[in-house]
Amino acid sequence: MKPQAFTTTVIGSMPKRPWLFTSATAIDGRRDHFAVAGSWSLTAEQLKLAQDDATRVVIREQERAGIDIVSDGEQRRKNYVTHLTAAMAGFDYENFEVRTIRAGRSTVKVGRCVGPIEHRAPILVEDLRFAIAESDRPVRVTLPGPMTVVDSTADTYYHDEKAMAFAWADAINKEARLLDALGPAVIQFDEPVFSRYPEKTAEWGIAALDRCLDGLRCTTAVHVCYGYPQPGKERPVRDTYPAILAELDRSKADQLALEFEGPGLDPRHLMACKSKTVLFGCVFNSDDTFETPEHVARRLLAAAEVLGRAHSGGARLRPRDDVAAACGRETPYHG
């Protein structure tokens, strides 16, 4: 039987060109991600045209690289969280608050939750429509998950993390249903903070994620990572996969998009993924040295061997269904 290639995809975000966007500086002298975030280099109609062009560029780059499932590179978003939260009712991005996030990794300015979180109008519908029209390949679209939103904002209204998380889940589910109607290949929820808070993940994080997925017909995914390295800042990698992967396997998500290459995690952790398609993160986006094809192949085959044992019936592995390689280099901030 002829061998099948692994399906390849990107996690979501791609680098923005300096002619499009300039990052802001945070209170610690590094990048400001969850407050102002940065500024667009153009205004009004020029900006829309430039974002269209930037989206076309990153889609073509993915196609030339042989990526099977592409994204719009989030070229219209200053930040993967604030683009969505600022568009919902209940958030204030004019009066920031300083808080420590990511289990103590960063102290930053963040927007505030000041009222009931409600979905007011479509946010990403036209973005997804544009991406689908621009490529003949399947398209994935990404949304911030509840626990990550809670950890990236200051709650001055609910005063309860779980209550705020479920309010976000209900609101973002309305957006996800609008996107689902357009026929994307995958709707993905980004939950990098699952790796930082395994206890909360088990207590209410998975349930809030499942609320986000309610009623969706397309393939769904959740992305977990350890955040990206930043100059002068520690990137603590607490190996929480043994604790959270079993929880994720019980979630309603179809796919688990998991970072492995950067922290050098052992593929044997995937033994806990008995029922899910795994997007195995085998390209580290923050290293100047590119992985060789041989290195990527070794990592993928090691993961495939583990999943072959983990899945029921274990001996047979269907590469395009059971394992996907997250091979795109993306540089959002998910830390």
Protein backbone atom coordinates (compact mmCIF):
# COMPACT_ATOMS: atom_id res chain seq x y z
CA MET A 1 0.00 0.00 0.00
CA LYS A 2 1.35 3.44 -0.93
CA PRO A 3 2.38 5.44 2.18
CA GLN A 4 0.29 8.49 2.96
CA ALA A 5 1.76 11.84 3.92
CA PHE A 6 0.88 13.44 7.23
CA THR A 7 -1.60 16.29 6.99
CA THR A 8 0.09 19.63 7.72
CA THR A 9 -1.37 22.82 9.14
CA VAL A 10 -0.45 25.98 11.02
CA ILE A 11 -1.66 26.80 14.49
CA GLY A 12 -3.21 30.08 13.33
CA SER A 13 -1.18 33.26 13.50
CA MET A 14 1.58 34.26 11.09
CA PRO A 15 4.07 37.16 11.34
CA LYS A 16 2.78 40.62 10.41
CA ARG A 17 4.86 42.76 8.06
CA PRO A 18 6.31 46.00 9.46
CA TRP A 19 4.51 47.94 6.73
CA LEU A 20 1.26 46.75 8.30
CA PHE A 21 1.73 46.72 12.08
CA THR A 22 4.05 48.01 14.82
CA SER A 23 4.03 46.36 18.25
CA ALA A 24 3.67 48.50 21.37
CA THR A 25 5.97 48.36 24.39
CA ALA A 26 4.61 46.97 27.65
CA ILE A 27 5.32 48.11 31.21
CA ASP A 28 8.17 45.60 31.48
CA GLY A 29 9.86 47.05 28.40
CA ARG A 30 8.87 44.12 26.22
CA ARG A 31 5.95 43.69 23.86
CA ASP A 32 2.55 44.88 25.01
CA HIS A 33 0.12 42.11 24.14
CA PHE A 34 -3.06 42.52 26.14
CA ALA A 35 -3.52 46.31 26.39
CA VAL A 36 -2.92 48.61 23.40
CA ALA A 37 -0.95 45.79 21.70
CA GLY A 38 0.31 47.97 18.85
CA SER A 39 -0.70 50.23 16.01
CA TRP A 40 -1.61 49.77 12.39
CA SER A 41 0.63 51.56 9.94
CA LEU A 42 -2.28 52.68 7.76
CA THR A 43 -5.77 54.01 8.33
CA ALA A 44 -9.31 53.56 7.04
CA GLU A 45 -9.64 52.17 3.50
CA GLN A 46 -5.88 51.85 3.05
CA LEU A 47 -5.70 49.62 6.11
CA LYS A 48 -8.40 47.28 4.84
CA LEU A 49 -6.65 46.91 1.49
CA ALA A 50 -3.32 46.33 3.23
CA GLN A 51 -4.83 43.67 5.51
CA ASP A 52 -6.36 42.00 2.47
CA ASP A 53 -2.94 41.96 0.79
CA ALA A 54 -1.22 40.70 3.94
CA THR A 55 -3.76 37.89 4.20
CA ARG A 56 -3.17 36.92 0.58
CA VAL A 57 0.59 36.90 1.17
CA VAL A 58 0.45 34.56 4.17
CA ILE A 59 -2.02 32.24 2.44
CA ARG A 60 0.27 32.01 -0.61
CA GLU A 61 3.24 31.35 1.69
CA GLN A 62 1.40 28.46 3.30
CA GLU A 63 0.35 27.06 -0.07
CA ARG A 64 3.92 27.25 -1.42
CA ALA A 65 5.16 25.49 1.71
CA GLY A 66 2.74 22.64 1.07
CA ILE A 67 0.49 23.30 4.07
CA ASP A 68 -2.72 21.31 3.65
CA ILE A 69 -5.02 23.30 5.96
CA VAL A 70 -4.29 27.04 5.87
CA SER A 71 -5.30 30.04 7.98
CA ASP A 72 -5.61 33.76 7.32
CA GLY A 73 -2.62 34.31 9.60
CA GLU A 74 -4.73 36.55 11.86
CA GLN A 75 -3.49 39.51 9.81
CA ARG A 76 -6.43 41.69 10.89
CA ARG A 77 -5.89 41.10 14.62
CA LYS A 78 -3.54 43.08 16.85
CA ASN A 79 -3.75 40.27 19.38
CA TYR A 80 -5.42 36.88 19.38
CA VAL A 81 -7.36 37.65 22.59
CA THR A 82 -8.08 41.37 22.53
CA HIS A 83 -9.37 41.41 18.95
CA LEU A 84 -12.29 39.30 20.15
CA THR A 85 -12.76 40.60 23.68
CA ALA A 86 -12.76 44.26 22.58
CA ALA A 87 -15.55 43.46 20.12
CA MET A 88 -17.78 41.95 22.82
CA ALA A 89 -19.98 43.89 25.21
CA GLY A 90 -18.63 43.95 28.75
CA PHE A 91 -14.96 44.89 28.21
CA ASP A 92 -13.13 48.19 28.71
CA TYR A 93 -9.92 48.78 26.75
CA GLU A 94 -9.50 52.43 27.66
CA ASN A 95 -8.89 52.07 31.40
CA PHE A 96 -6.36 49.30 31.88
CA GLU A 97 -5.44 47.39 35.00
CA VAL A 98 -2.10 45.87 35.92
CA ARG A 99 -2.18 42.19 36.83
CA THR A 100 0.04 39.15 36.92
CA ILE A 101 -0.88 36.46 34.42
CA ARG A 102 0.25 33.02 33.24
CA ALA A 103 0.88 31.66 36.74
CA GLY A 104 3.31 34.45 37.57
CA ARG A 105 5.24 34.60 34.31
CA SER A 106 4.23 38.16 33.35
CA THR A 107 2.92 41.33 34.95
CA VAL A 108 1.14 43.35 32.27
CA LYS A 109 -1.56 45.89 31.55
CA VAL A 110 -4.83 44.25 30.55
CA GLY A 111 -8.34 45.27 29.60
CA ARG A 112 -11.09 45.00 32.19
CA CYS A 113 -14.32 43.03 32.26
CA VAL A 114 -16.78 45.66 33.49
CA GLY A 115 -20.19 44.18 32.68
CA PRO A 116 -22.04 41.17 31.29
CA ILE A 117 -20.14 39.57 28.42
CA GLU A 118 -22.41 39.54 25.38
CA HIS A 119 -21.97 38.89 21.68
CA ARG A 120 -23.04 42.06 19.88
CA ALA A 121 -22.33 41.42 16.19
CA PRO A 122 -20.26 39.20 13.87
CA ILE A 123 -16.52 39.65 14.43
CA LEU A 124 -14.61 37.25 12.19
CA VAL A 125 -17.26 36.30 9.65
CA GLU A 126 -15.96 38.52 6.84
CA ASP A 127 -12.36 37.55 7.64
CA LEU A 128 -13.18 33.87 7.27
CA ARG A 129 -15.27 34.47 4.16
CA PHE A 130 -12.29 36.27 2.60
CA ALA A 131 -9.83 33.48 3.47
CA ILE A 132 -12.10 30.77 2.09
CA ALA A 133 -12.48 32.70 -1.17
CA GLU A 134 -8.71 33.22 -1.45
CA SER A 135 -7.64 29.57 -1.25
CA ASP A 136 -8.79 26.29 -2.69
CA ARG A 137 -7.45 24.56 0.42
CA PRO A 138 -9.35 23.92 3.64
CA VAL A 139 -9.23 26.82 6.12
CA ARG A 140 -8.95 26.79 9.91
CA VAL A 141 -10.08 29.70 12.07
CA THR A 142 -9.05 30.40 15.65
CA LEU A 143 -10.82 31.84 18.69
CA PRO A 144 -9.58 32.48 22.26
CA GLY A 145 -10.83 30.00 24.82
CA PRO A 146 -12.50 30.89 28.13
CA MET A 147 -9.65 30.21 30.55
CA THR A 148 -7.19 32.17 28.42
CA VAL A 149 -9.59 35.13 28.23
CA VAL A 150 -10.04 35.06 32.01
CA ASP A 151 -6.27 35.04 32.52
CA SER A 152 -5.70 37.83 29.96
CA THR A 153 -8.15 40.36 31.41
CA ALA A 154 -9.08 41.82 34.80
CA ASP A 155 -12.47 40.77 36.14
CA THR A 156 -14.17 43.68 37.89
CA TYR A 157 -17.71 42.41 37.28
CA TYR A 158 -18.19 38.67 37.90
CA HIS A 159 -15.57 38.33 40.65
CA ASP A 160 -15.57 34.62 39.88
CA GLU A 161 -13.27 33.00 37.31
CA LYS A 162 -15.61 30.15 36.49
CA ALA A 163 -18.64 32.42 36.05
CA MET A 164 -16.69 34.72 33.76
CA ALA A 165 -15.34 31.76 31.77
CA PHE A 166 -18.82 30.38 31.11
CA ALA A 167 -20.12 33.83 30.19
CA TRP A 168 -17.32 34.08 27.61
CA ALA A 169 -18.06 30.55 26.41
CA ASP A 170 -21.70 31.41 25.75
CA ALA A 171 -20.76 34.61 23.92
CA ILE A 172 -17.98 33.14 21.78
CA ASN A 173 -20.15 30.15 20.92
CA LYS A 174 -22.48 32.55 19.11
CA GLU A 175 -19.56 33.76 17.02
CA ALA A 176 -18.39 30.19 16.43
CA ARG A 177 -21.83 29.20 15.13
CA LEU A 178 -21.74 32.07 12.62
CA LEU A 179 -18.32 30.91 11.44
CA ASP A 180 -19.45 27.30 11.31
CA ALA A 181 -22.16 28.27 8.83
CA LEU A 182 -19.45 29.32 6.34
CA GLY A 183 -17.96 25.83 6.22
CA PRO A 184 -14.43 26.10 7.65
CA ALA A 185 -12.39 22.93 7.93
CA VAL A 186 -11.63 23.55 11.60
CA ILE A 187 -12.69 25.95 14.35
CA GLN A 188 -9.95 26.04 16.96
CA PHE A 189 -10.05 27.43 20.48
CA ASP A 190 -6.71 28.62 21.84
CA GLU A 191 -6.12 27.63 25.46
CA PRO A 192 -2.39 28.04 26.13
CA VAL A 193 -3.09 28.62 29.81
CA PHE A 194 -4.31 25.05 30.24
CA SER A 195 -0.62 24.17 30.55
CA ARG A 196 -0.19 26.71 33.39
CA TYR A 197 -3.25 25.76 35.44
CA PRO A 198 -3.85 21.99 35.31
CA GLU A 199 -6.04 22.04 38.42
CA LYS A 200 -8.36 24.70 36.99
CA THR A 201 -8.37 22.88 33.67
CA ALA A 202 -9.80 19.82 35.37
CA GLU A 203 -12.13 21.75 37.67
CA TRP A 204 -13.89 23.95 35.08
CA GLY A 205 -11.66 24.59 32.06
CA ILE A 206 -12.75 21.56 30.04
CA ALA A 207 -16.42 22.17 30.82
CA ALA A 208 -16.10 25.79 29.65
CA LEU A 209 -14.35 24.63 26.48
CA ASP A 210 -17.15 22.16 25.79
CA ARG A 211 -19.68 24.99 26.14
CA CYS A 212 -17.81 26.84 23.37
CA LEU A 213 -18.20 23.82 21.07
CA ASP A 214 -21.92 23.38 21.59
CA GLY A 215 -23.83 22.96 18.33
CA LEU A 216 -20.83 23.19 15.99
CA ARG A 217 -20.87 20.88 12.98
CA CYS A 218 -17.36 21.34 11.60
CA THR A 219 -14.23 19.76 13.04
CA THR A 220 -13.22 21.42 16.31
CA ALA A 221 -9.83 21.76 17.97
CA VAL A 222 -8.18 23.08 21.12
CA HIS A 223 -4.61 24.41 21.09
CA VAL A 224 -2.36 24.10 24.14
CA CYS A 225 1.22 25.36 24.46
CA TYR A 226 3.65 26.85 26.98
CA GLY A 227 3.82 30.36 25.55
CA TYR A 228 6.55 31.70 23.35
CA PRO A 229 10.06 32.63 24.50
CA GLN A 230 10.70 36.34 25.02
CA PRO A 231 14.12 37.99 25.37
CA GLY A 232 15.08 38.40 29.01
CA LYS A 233 12.10 36.47 30.35
CA GLU A 234 12.01 32.95 31.73
CA ARG A 235 9.87 30.41 29.91
CA PRO A 236 9.11 27.91 32.66
CA VAL A 237 7.91 24.61 31.27
CA ARG A 238 6.12 22.69 33.97
CA ASP A 239 5.40 19.35 32.39
CA THR A 240 1.66 19.37 32.95
CA TYR A 241 0.74 17.24 29.93
CA PRO A 242 0.36 14.07 32.04
CA ALA A 243 -2.28 15.90 34.08
CA ILE A 244 -4.17 17.70 31.33
CA LEU A 245 -4.08 15.35 28.33
CA ALA A 246 -6.39 12.82 29.94
CA GLU A 247 -8.79 15.68 30.72
CA LEU A 248 -8.55 16.95 27.14
CA ASP A 249 -9.23 13.47 25.81
CA ARG A 250 -12.59 13.60 27.61
CA SER A 251 -13.50 16.95 26.04
CA LYS A 252 -15.82 17.36 23.07
CA ALA A 253 -13.05 18.74 20.85
CA ASP A 254 -12.18 16.57 17.85
CA GLN A 255 -8.53 17.60 17.69
CA LEU A 256 -5.78 18.43 20.19
CA ALA A 257 -3.17 20.85 18.82
CA LEU A 258 -0.22 20.39 21.16
CA GLU A 259 3.21 21.99 21.41
CA PHE A 260 5.99 19.42 21.63
CA GLU A 261 9.12 20.66 19.85
CA GLY A 262 10.01 23.81 21.81
CA PRO A 263 10.08 22.26 25.29
CA GLY A 264 11.31 18.93 23.91
CA LEU A 265 8.42 16.95 25.36
CA ASP A 266 8.28 13.18 25.10
CA PRO A 267 5.75 11.88 22.53
CA ARG A 268 4.88 9.13 25.00
CA HIS A 269 2.60 11.66 26.67
CA LEU A 270 0.26 10.97 23.75
CA MET A 271 -0.69 7.62 25.27
CA ALA A 272 -3.36 9.63 27.10
CA CYS A 273 -4.92 10.72 23.77
CA LYS A 274 -7.00 7.66 23.12
CA SER A 275 -9.86 9.20 21.14
CA LYS A 276 -8.56 12.40 19.50
CA THR A 277 -6.86 13.50 16.34
CA VAL A 278 -3.53 14.98 17.42
CA LEU A 279 -1.86 17.96 15.79
CA PHE A 280 1.71 17.30 16.84
CA GLY A 281 3.68 20.54 17.13
CA CYS A 282 7.05 19.55 15.67
CA VAL A 283 8.36 22.93 14.47
CA PHE A 284 9.55 25.46 17.06
CA ASN A 285 8.59 28.97 15.98
CA SER A 286 11.10 30.84 18.13
CA ASP A 287 14.41 29.30 17.11
CA ASP A 288 16.62 30.78 14.40
CA THR A 289 17.76 27.27 13.49
CA PHE A 290 15.21 25.50 11.33
CA GLU A 291 14.40 21.87 11.96
CA THR A 292 15.60 19.58 9.19
CA PRO A 293 13.07 17.44 7.31
CA GLU A 294 14.77 14.39 8.81
CA HIS A 295 14.29 15.70 12.35
CA VAL A 296 10.63 16.48 11.72
CA ALA A 297 10.13 13.02 10.22
CA ARG A 298 11.69 11.34 13.26
CA ARG A 299 9.48 13.29 15.65
CA LEU A 300 6.34 12.55 13.64
CA LEU A 301 7.06 8.86 13.35
CA ALA A 302 7.73 8.65 17.09
CA ALA A 303 4.38 10.33 17.75
CA ALA A 304 2.62 8.08 15.25
CA GLU A 305 4.02 4.99 16.93
CA VAL A 306 2.69 6.12 20.31
CA LEU A 307 -0.73 6.98 18.91
CA GLY A 308 -0.88 3.66 17.13
CA ARG A 309 -0.67 2.00 20.54
CA ALA A 310 -2.92 4.49 22.31
CA HIS A 311 -5.90 4.33 19.96
CA SER A 312 -8.28 1.44 20.30
CA GLY A 313 -7.36 -1.25 17.82
CA GLY A 314 -3.89 0.31 18.10
CA ALA A 315 -2.15 -1.52 15.27
CA ARG A 316 -3.57 0.59 12.46
CA LEU A 317 -2.77 4.27 12.13
CA ARG A 318 -4.49 6.49 9.58
CA PRO A 319 -2.04 9.36 9.05
CA ARG A 320 -4.49 11.86 7.65
CA ASP A 321 -6.99 11.21 10.38
CA ASP A 322 -5.07 10.38 13.52
CA VAL A 323 -1.98 12.56 13.37
CA ALA A 324 -1.42 15.98 11.87
CA ALA A 325 1.82 17.92 11.86
CA ALA A 326 1.63 21.53 12.95
CA CYS A 327 4.48 22.56 10.70
CA GLY A 328 3.92 26.27 10.16
CA ARG A 329 6.10 28.88 11.87
CA GLU A 330 3.76 31.30 13.55
CA THR A 331 4.61 34.12 15.95
CA PRO A 332 1.59 35.16 17.95
CA TYR A 333 1.85 35.57 21.70
CA HIS A 334 0.11 32.73 23.44
CA GLY A 335 2.09 32.99 26.65
